[in-house]
C-alpha atoms as a PDB file:
ATOM      1  CA  MET A   1      99.608 152.350 133.967  1.00  0.00           C
ATOM      2  CA  PRO A   2     102.330 151.896 131.030  1.00  0.00           C
ATOM      3  CA  THR A   3     102.368 147.845 131.361  1.00  0.00           C
ATOM      4  CA  THR A   4      98.205 148.439 130.815  1.00  0.00           C
ATOM      5  CA  VAL A   5      98.439 150.353 128.013  1.00  0.00           C
ATOM      6  CA  LYS A   6     100.691 148.092 126.755  1.00  0.00           C
ATOM      7  CA  SER A   7      98.725 145.154 127.059  1.00  0.00           C
ATOM      8  CA  ALA A   8      95.758 146.558 125.835  1.00  0.00           C
ATOM      9  CA  LYS A   9      97.356 147.657 122.642  1.00  0.00           C
ATOM     10  CA  GLU A  10      99.400 144.877 122.168  1.00  0.00           C
ATOM     11  CA  ILE A  11      95.725 142.743 122.461  1.00  0.00           C
ATOM     12  CA  MET A  12      94.604 144.722 119.691  1.00  0.00           C
ATOM     13  CA  ARG A  13      97.192 144.571 117.976  1.00  0.00           C
ATOM     14  CA  GLU A  14      97.218 140.593 118.059  1.00  0.00           C
ATOM     15  CA  TYR A  15      93.013 141.149 117.048  1.00  0.00           C
ATOM     16  CA  ARG A  16      93.488 142.935 114.069  1.00  0.00           C
ATOM     17  CA  LEU A  17      95.680 140.860 113.109  1.00  0.00           C
ATOM     18  CA  HIS A  18      93.850 137.925 113.728  1.00  0.00           C
ATOM     19  CA  LYS A  19      90.784 139.222 111.693  1.00  0.00           C
ATOM     20  CA  LYS A  20      92.619 140.004 108.689  1.00  0.00           C
ATOM     21  CA  GLN A  21      93.629 136.225 108.950  1.00  0.00           C
ATOM     22  CA  LEU A  22      90.171 134.833 108.838  1.00  0.00           C
ATOM     23  CA  ALA A  23      89.036 136.899 106.116  1.00  0.00           C
ATOM     24  CA  ALA A  24      91.689 135.622 104.088  1.00  0.00           C
ATOM     25  CA  THR A  25      90.769 132.357 103.862  1.00  0.00           C
ATOM     26  CA  THR A  26      87.946 130.189 102.850  1.00  0.00           C
ATOM     27  CA  ILE A  27      88.444 126.882 105.194  1.00  0.00           C
ATOM     28  CA  ASP A  28      86.306 127.261 108.054  1.00  0.00           C
ATOM     29  CA  ASP A  29      87.526 123.946 109.850  1.00  0.00           C
ATOM     30  CA  ASP A  30      91.032 124.904 109.861  1.00  0.00           C
ATOM     31  CA  VAL A  31      90.576 128.179 111.333  1.00  0.00           C
ATOM     32  CA  SER A  32      91.583 126.967 114.488  1.00  0.00           C
ATOM     33  CA  PHE A  33      95.081 126.335 113.393  1.00  0.00           C
ATOM     34  CA  LEU A  34      96.025 130.040 114.281  1.00  0.00           C
ATOM     35  CA  PHE A  35      93.677 130.143 117.656  1.00  0.00           C
ATOM     36  CA  GLN A  36      96.657 128.947 119.935  1.00  0.00           C
ATOM     37  CA  PRO A  37      97.318 131.179 122.821  1.00  0.00           C
ATOM     38  CA  LEU A  38     100.302 133.255 123.475  1.00  0.00           C
ATOM     39  CA  THR A  39     102.599 132.179 126.478  1.00  0.00           C
ATOM     40  CA  SER A  40     104.716 135.715 126.463  1.00  0.00           C
ATOM     41  CA  ASN A  41     103.373 139.018 127.530  1.00  0.00           C
ATOM     42  CA  SER A  42     106.726 140.721 125.842  1.00  0.00           C
ATOM     43  CA  ILE A  43     106.204 142.006 122.491  1.00  0.00           C
ATOM     44  CA  PRO A  44     108.989 141.132 120.153  1.00  0.00           C
ATOM     45  CA  SER A  45     108.325 137.635 121.499  1.00  0.00           C
ATOM     46  CA  THR A  46     104.574 137.734 120.414  1.00  0.00           C
ATOM     47  CA  VAL A  47     104.691 139.442 117.048  1.00  0.00           C
ATOM     48  CA  LYS A  48     107.463 136.735 116.602  1.00  0.00           C
ATOM     49  CA  SER A  49     104.838 133.620 116.826  1.00  0.00           C
ATOM     50  CA  ALA A  50     102.281 135.502 115.346  1.00  0.00           C
ATOM     51  CA  LYS A  51     104.572 136.097 112.132  1.00  0.00           C
ATOM     52  CA  GLU A  52     105.636 132.791 112.823  1.00  0.00           C
ATOM     53  CA  ARG A  53     102.466 130.882 113.083  1.00  0.00           C
ATOM     54  CA  MET A  54     100.497 133.180 109.822  1.00  0.00           C
ATOM     55  CA  ARG A  55     103.282 131.732 107.837  1.00  0.00           C
ATOM     56  CA  GLU A  56     102.731 128.034 108.678  1.00  0.00           C
ATOM     57  CA  TYR A  57      99.278 128.555 107.660  1.00  0.00           C
ATOM     58  CA  ARG A  58      99.729 129.893 104.375  1.00  0.00           C
ATOM     59  CA  LEU A  59     101.849 128.056 103.690  1.00  0.00           C
ATOM     60  CA  HIS A  60      99.484 124.782 105.225  1.00  0.00           C
ATOM     61  CA  LYS A  61      96.636 126.571 102.797  1.00  0.00           C
ATOM     62  CA  LYS A  62      98.342 126.431  99.800  1.00  0.00           C
ATOM     63  CA  GLN A  63      98.792 122.754 100.273  1.00  0.00           C
ATOM     64  CA  LEU A  64      95.268 122.382 100.751  1.00  0.00           C
ATOM     65  CA  ALA A  65      94.486 123.791  97.795  1.00  0.00           C
ATOM     66  CA  ALA A  66      96.918 122.087  95.337  1.00  0.00           C
ATOM     67  CA  THR A  67      94.865 118.910  96.387  1.00  0.00           C
ATOM     68  CA  THR A  68      91.753 117.514  94.749  1.00  0.00           C
ATOM     69  CA  ILE A  69      91.787 114.670  96.841  1.00  0.00           C
ATOM     70  CA  ASP A  70      89.587 115.772  99.520  1.00  0.00           C
ATOM     71  CA  ASP A  71      89.521 112.416 101.817  1.00  0.00           C
ATOM     72  CA  ASP A  72      93.460 112.667 102.256  1.00  0.00           C
ATOM     73  CA  VAL A  73      93.814 115.922 102.587  1.00  0.00           C
ATOM     74  CA  SER A  74      94.700 115.189 106.823  1.00  0.00           C
ATOM     75  CA  PHE A  75      97.813 114.113 104.927  1.00  0.00           C
ATOM     76  CA  SER A  76      99.721 117.175 105.605  1.00  0.00           C
ATOM     77  CA  SER A  77      98.226 118.696 107.849  1.00  0.00           C
ATOM     78  CA  HIS A  78      99.551 117.780 110.954  1.00  0.00           C
ATOM     79  CA  PRO A  79     101.122 120.657 113.179  1.00  0.00           C
ATOM     80  CA  SER A  80     105.089 120.857 113.492  1.00  0.00           C
ATOM     81  CA  THR A  81     106.459 120.478 117.069  1.00  0.00           C
ATOM     82  CA  SER A  82     108.652 123.220 116.636  1.00  0.00           C
ATOM     83  CA  ASN A  83     108.595 126.310 117.215  1.00  0.00           C
ATOM     84  CA  SER A  84     111.601 127.476 114.843  1.00  0.00           C
ATOM     85  CA  ILE A  85     110.886 128.552 111.924  1.00  0.00           C
ATOM     86  CA  PRO A  86     113.901 126.935 109.461  1.00  0.00           C
ATOM     87  CA  THR A  87     112.900 123.668 111.484  1.00  0.00           C
ATOM     88  CA  THR A  88     109.359 124.154 110.563  1.00  0.00           C
ATOM     89  CA  VAL A  89     109.624 124.763 106.849  1.00  0.00           C
ATOM     90  CA  LYS A  90     111.832 121.794 106.582  1.00  0.00           C
ATOM     91  CA  SER A  91     109.288 119.644 107.892  1.00  0.00           C
ATOM     92  CA  ALA A  92     106.093 121.199 106.168  1.00  0.00           C
ATOM     93  CA  LYS A  93     108.173 120.697 102.493  1.00  0.00           C
ATOM     94  CA  GLU A  94     109.120 117.182 103.912  1.00  0.00           C
ATOM     95  CA  ARG A  95     105.354 116.599 104.157  1.00  0.00           C
ATOM     96  CA  MET A  96     104.376 118.138 100.769  1.00  0.00           C
ATOM     97  CA  ARG A  97     107.225 116.164  98.751  1.00  0.00           C
ATOM     98  CA  GLU A  98     105.675 112.714 100.734  1.00  0.00           C
ATOM     99  CA  TYR A  99     102.231 114.111  99.740  1.00  0.00           C
ATOM    100  CA  ARG A 100     102.729 114.480  96.047  1.00  0.00           C
ATOM    101  CA  LEU A 101     104.376 111.197  95.775  1.00  0.00           C
ATOM    102  CA  HIS A 102     101.449 109.899  96.962  1.00  0.00           C
ATOM    103  CA  LYS A 103      98.819 111.608  95.410  1.00  0.00           C
ATOM    104  CA  LYS A 104     100.833 110.177  91.860  1.00  0.00           C
ATOM    105  CA  GLN A 105     100.386 106.751  93.234  1.00  0.00           C
ATOM    106  CA  LEU A 106      96.768 107.207  93.460  1.00  0.00           C
ATOM    107  CA  ALA A 107      96.751 108.630  89.931  1.00  0.00           C
ATOM    108  CA  ALA A 108      98.055 105.770  88.551  1.00  0.00           C
ATOM    109  CA  THR A 109      95.817 103.233  89.641  1.00  0.00           C
ATOM    110  CA  THR A 110      92.526 102.209  88.859  1.00  0.00           C
ATOM    111  CA  ILE A 111      91.527  99.512  91.404  1.00  0.00           C
ATOM    112  CA  ASP A 112      89.824 101.695  93.729  1.00  0.00           C
ATOM    113  CA  ASP A 113      89.595  98.595  96.593  1.00  0.00           C
ATOM    114  CA  ASP A 114      93.116  98.142  96.808  1.00  0.00           C
ATOM    115  CA  VAL A 115      94.081 101.604  97.354  1.00  0.00           C
ATOM    116  CA  SER A 116      94.756 101.789 100.556  1.00  0.00           C
ATOM    117  CA  PHE A 117      97.042  99.364 100.213  1.00  0.00           C
ATOM    118  CA  LEU A 118      99.449 102.311  99.620  1.00  0.00           C
ATOM    119  CA  PHE A 119      97.671 104.738 102.761  1.00  0.00           C
ATOM    120  CA  GLN A 120     100.791 103.198 105.375  1.00  0.00           C
ATOM    121  CA  PRO A 121     102.448 105.863 107.184  1.00  0.00           C
ATOM    122  CA  SER A 122     105.644 106.162 107.045  1.00  0.00           C
ATOM    123  CA  THR A 123     107.745 105.621 110.703  1.00  0.00           C
ATOM    124  CA  SER A 124     111.337 107.664 109.463  1.00  0.00           C
ATOM    125  CA  ASN A 125     111.693 111.410 109.551  1.00  0.00           C
ATOM    126  CA  SER A 126     114.484 111.486 107.038  1.00  0.00           C
ATOM    127  CA  ILE A 127     113.211 111.933 104.035  1.00  0.00           C
ATOM    128  CA  PRO A 128     115.882 109.379 101.793  1.00  0.00           C
ATOM    129  CA  THR A 129     114.023 106.615 104.151  1.00  0.00           C
ATOM    130  CA  THR A 130     110.498 107.654 103.686  1.00  0.00           C
ATOM    131  CA  VAL A 131     110.968 107.779  99.743  1.00  0.00           C
ATOM    132  CA  LYS A 132     112.399 104.228 100.109  1.00  0.00           C
ATOM    133  CA  SER A 133     109.031 103.025 101.243  1.00  0.00           C
ATOM    134  CA  ALA A 134     107.470 104.637  98.847  1.00  0.00           C
ATOM    135  CA  LYS A 135     109.212 103.253  96.229  1.00  0.00           C
ATOM    136  CA  GLU A 136     109.231  99.392  97.705  1.00  0.00           C
ATOM    137  CA  ARG A 137     105.145 100.257  98.434  1.00  0.00           C
ATOM    138  CA  MET A 138     104.700 101.341  94.796  1.00  0.00           C
ATOM    139  CA  ARG A 139     106.941  98.162  93.212  1.00  0.00           C
ATOM    140  CA  GLU A 140     104.885  95.708  95.107  1.00  0.00           C
ATOM    141  CA  TYR A 141     101.595  97.036  94.185  1.00  0.00           C
ATOM    142  CA  ARG A 142     102.370  97.382  90.425  1.00  0.00           C
ATOM    143  CA  LEU A 143     103.296  94.018  90.926  1.00  0.00           C
ATOM    144  CA  ARG A 144     100.064  92.792  92.335  1.00  0.00           C
ATOM    145  CA  LYS A 145      97.812  95.164  89.692  1.00  0.00           C
ATOM    146  CA  LYS A 146      99.147  93.005  86.700  1.00  0.00           C
ATOM    147  CA  GLN A 147      98.366  89.914  88.131  1.00  0.00           C
ATOM    148  CA  LEU A 148      94.965  91.165  89.171  1.00  0.00           C
ATOM    149  CA  ALA A 149      94.746  92.305  85.584  1.00  0.00           C
ATOM    150  CA  ALA A 150      95.918  88.878  83.968  1.00  0.00           C
ATOM    151  CA  THR A 151      93.162  87.258  85.380  1.00  0.00           C
ATOM    152  CA  THR A 152      89.712  86.745  84.696  1.00  0.00           C
ATOM    153  CA  ILE A 153      87.595  84.379  87.320  1.00  0.00           C
ATOM    154  CA  ASP A 154      86.869  87.406  89.643  1.00  0.00           C
ATOM    155  CA  ASP A 155      85.532  84.662  92.504  1.00  0.00           C
ATOM    156  CA  ASP A 156      89.320  83.742  93.026  1.00  0.00           C
ATOM    157  CA  GLU A 157      90.997  86.827  92.976  1.00  0.00           C
ATOM    158  CA  SER A 158      91.339  87.308  97.023  1.00  0.00           C
ATOM    159  CA  VAL A 159      93.958  84.379  96.153  1.00  0.00           C
ATOM    160  CA  LEU A 160      96.436  86.953  95.009  1.00  0.00           C
ATOM    161  CA  SER A 161      95.564  89.579  98.063  1.00  0.00           C
ATOM    162  CA  GLN A 162      96.905  88.264 100.882  1.00  0.00           C
ATOM    163  CA  PRO A 163      99.082  90.402 102.985  1.00  0.00           C
ATOM    164  CA  SER A 164     102.849  89.709 102.928  1.00  0.00           C
ATOM    165  CA  THR A 165     103.868  89.487 106.523  1.00  0.00           C
ATOM    166  CA  SER A 166     107.923  90.375 104.931  1.00  0.00           C
ATOM    167  CA  ASN A 167     109.318  93.976 105.055  1.00  0.00           C
ATOM    168  CA  SER A 168     111.992  93.183 102.500  1.00  0.00           C
ATOM    169  CA  THR A 169     111.310  93.476  99.007  1.00  0.00           C
ATOM    170  CA  PRO A 170     113.418  90.117  97.803  1.00  0.00           C
ATOM    171  CA  THR A 171     111.004  87.524 100.442  1.00  0.00           C
ATOM    172  CA  THR A 172     107.950  89.627  99.094  1.00  0.00           C
ATOM    173  CA  VAL A 173     108.856  89.367  95.499  1.00  0.00           C
ATOM    174  CA  LYS A 174     109.114  85.703  95.995  1.00  0.00           C
ATOM    175  CA  THR A 175     105.845  85.277  97.884  1.00  0.00           C
ATOM    176  CA  THR A 176     103.721  86.477  95.017  1.00  0.00           C
ATOM    177  CA  LYS A 177     105.068  84.702  91.917  1.00  0.00           C
ATOM    178  CA  GLU A 178     104.521  81.835  94.115  1.00  0.00           C
ATOM    179  CA  ARG A 179     101.066  82.238  94.634  1.00  0.00           C
ATOM    180  CA  LEU A 180     100.911  83.642  91.139  1.00  0.00           C
ATOM    181  CA  ARG A 181     102.339  80.366  89.978  1.00  0.00           C
ATOM    182  CA  GLU A 182      99.632  78.060  92.050  1.00  0.00           C
ATOM    183  CA  TYR A 183      96.660  80.249  90.910  1.00  0.00           C
ATOM    184  CA  LEU A 184      97.610  79.854  87.044  1.00  0.00           C
ATOM    185  CA  LEU A 185      97.543  76.282  87.842  1.00  0.00           C
ATOM    186  CA  ARG A 186      94.335  76.110  89.283  1.00  0.00           C
ATOM    187  CA  GLU A 187      93.428  78.198  86.383  1.00  0.00           C
ATOM    188  CA  LYS A 188      94.355  75.477  84.165  1.00  0.00           C
ATOM    189  CA  GLN A 189      92.705  73.005  86.216  1.00  0.00           C
ATOM    190  CA  LEU A 190      89.222  74.968  86.508  1.00  0.00           C
ATOM    191  CA  ALA A 191      89.588  75.186  82.499  1.00  0.00           C
ATOM    192  CA  ALA A 192      89.756  72.016  81.665  1.00  0.00           C
ATOM    193  CA  THR A 193      86.466  70.261  82.882  1.00  0.00           C
ATOM    194  CA  THR A 194      82.998  70.844  81.720  1.00  0.00           C
ATOM    195  CA  ILE A 195      81.529  70.029  84.885  1.00  0.00           C
ATOM    196  CA  ASP A 196      80.010  73.456  86.188  1.00  0.00           C
ATOM    197  CA  ASP A 197      78.907  71.650  89.355  1.00  0.00           C
ATOM    198  CA  ASP A 198      82.284  70.147  90.083  1.00  0.00           C
ATOM    199  CA  VAL A 199      85.162  73.160  89.753  1.00  0.00           C
ATOM    200  CA  SER A 200      85.486  72.687  93.242  1.00  0.00           C
ATOM    201  CA  PHE A 201      86.767  69.700  93.248  1.00  0.00           C
ATOM    202  CA  SER A 202      90.837  70.261  92.060  1.00  0.00           C
ATOM    203  CA  SER A 203      89.935  74.036  93.747  1.00  0.00           C
ATOM    204  CA  HIS A 204      90.666  73.132  97.202  1.00  0.00           C
ATOM    205  CA  PRO A 205      94.015  74.744  98.209  1.00  0.00           C
ATOM    206  CA  SER A 206      96.582  71.503  99.924  1.00  0.00           C
ATOM    207  CA  THR A 207      97.422  70.871 103.154  1.00  0.00           C
ATOM    208  CA  SER A 208     100.852  70.488 102.913  1.00  0.00           C
ATOM    209  CA  ASN A 209     103.498  73.458 103.466  1.00  0.00           C
ATOM    210  CA  SER A 210     106.356  71.431 101.314  1.00  0.00           C
ATOM    211  CA  THR A 211     106.333  72.701  97.770  1.00  0.00           C
ATOM    212  CA  PRO A 212     107.118  69.032  96.562  1.00  0.00           C
ATOM    213  CA  THR A 213     104.172  67.504  98.610  1.00  0.00           C
ATOM    214  CA  THR A 214     101.907  70.375  97.385  1.00  0.00           C
ATOM    215  CA  VAL A 215     102.891  69.747  93.309  1.00  0.00           C
ATOM    216  CA  LYS A 216     102.481  66.142  94.053  1.00  0.00           C
ATOM    217  CA  SER A 217      99.167  66.337  95.929  1.00  0.00           C
ATOM    218  CA  THR A 218      98.016  68.676  92.945  1.00  0.00           C
ATOM    219  CA  LYS A 219      99.018  66.276  90.215  1.00  0.00           C
ATOM    220  CA  GLU A 220      97.688  63.853  92.498  1.00  0.00           C
ATOM    221  CA  ARG A 221      94.109  65.304  92.915  1.00  0.00           C
ATOM    222  CA  SER A 222      94.441  65.865  88.839  1.00  0.00           C
ATOM    223  CA  ARG A 223      94.798  62.713  88.224  1.00  0.00           C
ATOM    224  CA  GLU A 224      91.747  61.412  90.722  1.00  0.00           C
ATOM    225  CA  TYR A 225      89.505  64.465  89.260  1.00  0.00           C
ATOM    226  CA  ARG A 226      89.766  62.901  85.679  1.00  0.00           C
ATOM    227  CA  LEU A 227      89.300  59.386  87.024  1.00  0.00           C
ATOM    228  CA  HIS A 228      85.879  60.879  88.410  1.00  0.00           C
ATOM    229  CA  LYS A 229      85.070  63.104  85.834  1.00  0.00           C
ATOM    230  CA  LYS A 230      85.293  59.562  83.708  1.00  0.00           C
ATOM    231  CA  GLU A 231      82.941  58.048  86.323  1.00  0.00           C
ATOM    232  CA  LEU A 232      80.788  60.889  86.344  1.00  0.00           C
ATOM    233  CA  ALA A 233      79.901  60.742  82.590  1.00  0.00           C
ATOM    234  CA  ALA A 234      79.306  57.017  82.845  1.00  0.00           C
ATOM    235  CA  THR A 235      76.726  57.519  85.349  1.00  0.00           C
ATOM    236  CA  THR A 236      73.460  60.002  85.680  1.00  0.00           C
ATOM    237  CA  ILE A 237      73.569  59.863  89.307  1.00  0.00           C
ATOM    238  CA  ASP A 238      73.726  63.439  90.364  1.00  0.00           C
ATOM    239  CA  ASP A 239      73.643  63.106  94.078  1.00  0.00           C
ATOM    240  CA  ASP A 240      77.196  62.111  94.229  1.00  0.00           C
ATOM    241  CA  VAL A 241      79.095  65.127  92.567  1.00  0.00           C
ATOM    242  CA  SER A 242      80.296  66.448  95.920  1.00  0.00           C
ATOM    243  CA  PHE A 243      82.893  63.519  95.745  1.00  0.00           C
ATOM    244  CA  SER A 244      85.923  65.949  96.404  1.00  0.00           C
ATOM    245  CA  SER A 245      85.150  69.541  97.840  1.00  0.00           C
ATOM    246  CA  GLN A 246      86.607  69.465 101.511  1.00  0.00           C
ATOM    247  CA  PRO A 247      88.304  73.050 102.242  1.00  0.00           C
ATOM    248  CA  SER A 248      91.965  73.208 103.419  1.00  0.00           C
ATOM    249  CA  THR A 249      93.212  73.644 106.757  1.00  0.00           C
ATOM    250  CA  SER A 250      96.837  75.683 105.535  1.00  0.00           C
ATOM    251  CA  ASN A 251      97.575  79.326 105.356  1.00  0.00           C
ATOM    252  CA  SER A 252     101.147  79.039 104.808  1.00  0.00           C
ATOM    253  CA  ILE A 253     102.790  80.756 102.325  1.00  0.00           C
ATOM    254  CA  PRO A 254     106.028  81.236 102.916  1.00  0.00           C
ATOM    255  CA  ILE A 255     107.002  77.476 103.686  1.00  0.00           C
ATOM    256  CA  GLN A 256     105.589  76.695 100.370  1.00  0.00           C
ATOM    257  CA  ILE A 257     107.626  79.343  98.344  1.00  0.00           C
ATOM    258  CA  SER A 258     111.238  78.743  99.852  1.00  0.00           C
ATOM    259  CA  GLN A 259     111.182  75.090  98.594  1.00  0.00           C
ATOM    260  CA  GLY A 260     108.603  76.138  95.646  1.00  0.00           C
ATOM    261  CA  THR A 261     111.873  77.655  93.560  1.00  0.00           C
ATOM    262  CA  ASN A 262     114.073  74.288  94.490  1.00  0.00           C
ATOM    263  CA  ALA A 263     110.965  72.025  93.061  1.00  0.00           C
END
C-alpha cells in the first residue's frame, strides 16, 4: 500500500505539472519535447528530471520566439544528449550563438537563390572552430556577391557560381579571382562585337588546363574572330555564322589558376 499510494501521488503530481506546461505554450508542434518517459521510480530523481526538461523547453521556446525565419527554426532545436544541467545550458547557449550569427548573415544578403551557400552545418562542437568556419564562409560569400553585382550579363552569371573544392581560404580566394579575370575578359570580347548571332564565337571556354596556353588561346580566338567578322561584313551569306561555337570540354579551374598568377 505505501508504495502504491506513493506511485499514484507521483503520477498525479507529474500530470499536473505537465498540464501547466502545455497550457503555458502555444507552439503545438513542439509539445512532444516534454513527452519523454521517465526511467526512474524514485521521487527525487523524477522531480529533477521534470524540472530539467521544463528548463530546457522554456529556453527553447524563447529561442523560437526570438527568430522570424520560420523555415530555419530547426537550426537551434535539436535535442541535447546530456542529462546534466550545466552541460545542457552550455550547449543551448552555443547553439543560440551560432544561430544568431547565421541570422545576421541572412539579413545582410539580398541574393535569395544563393542563401544556401551559408547553410552548411558545422562539424565541430567547439565555439572557436565553429565561429572561424562561419567567418570563412561569409568572407567567400561576400566576395561572390560583389562579383555578381559587378556584372550585367545575366545569362553568364553561372561562370562565377561554381563551388570551390578547397576548404582553405587562400586557395578559395585565388580560384575566385582567376574566375573573375576570365569572365571580365570574356565580357570585353562580347562588348566589342555587334553581330548578335555570333556573340558565342569568342565566349566558349578554353580546352587547355595551363594558363599560358589558355591566354594564348584566347588571343588567338579573338584574332580569328576579328578576321571572321571582316569576312562576314563583306558577305551576305548568313548560314555560315556558326563558324566557331564549339563547346568546351574542360572543367578544371585550379590548374588554370595556379599558373595564371605566374603569367
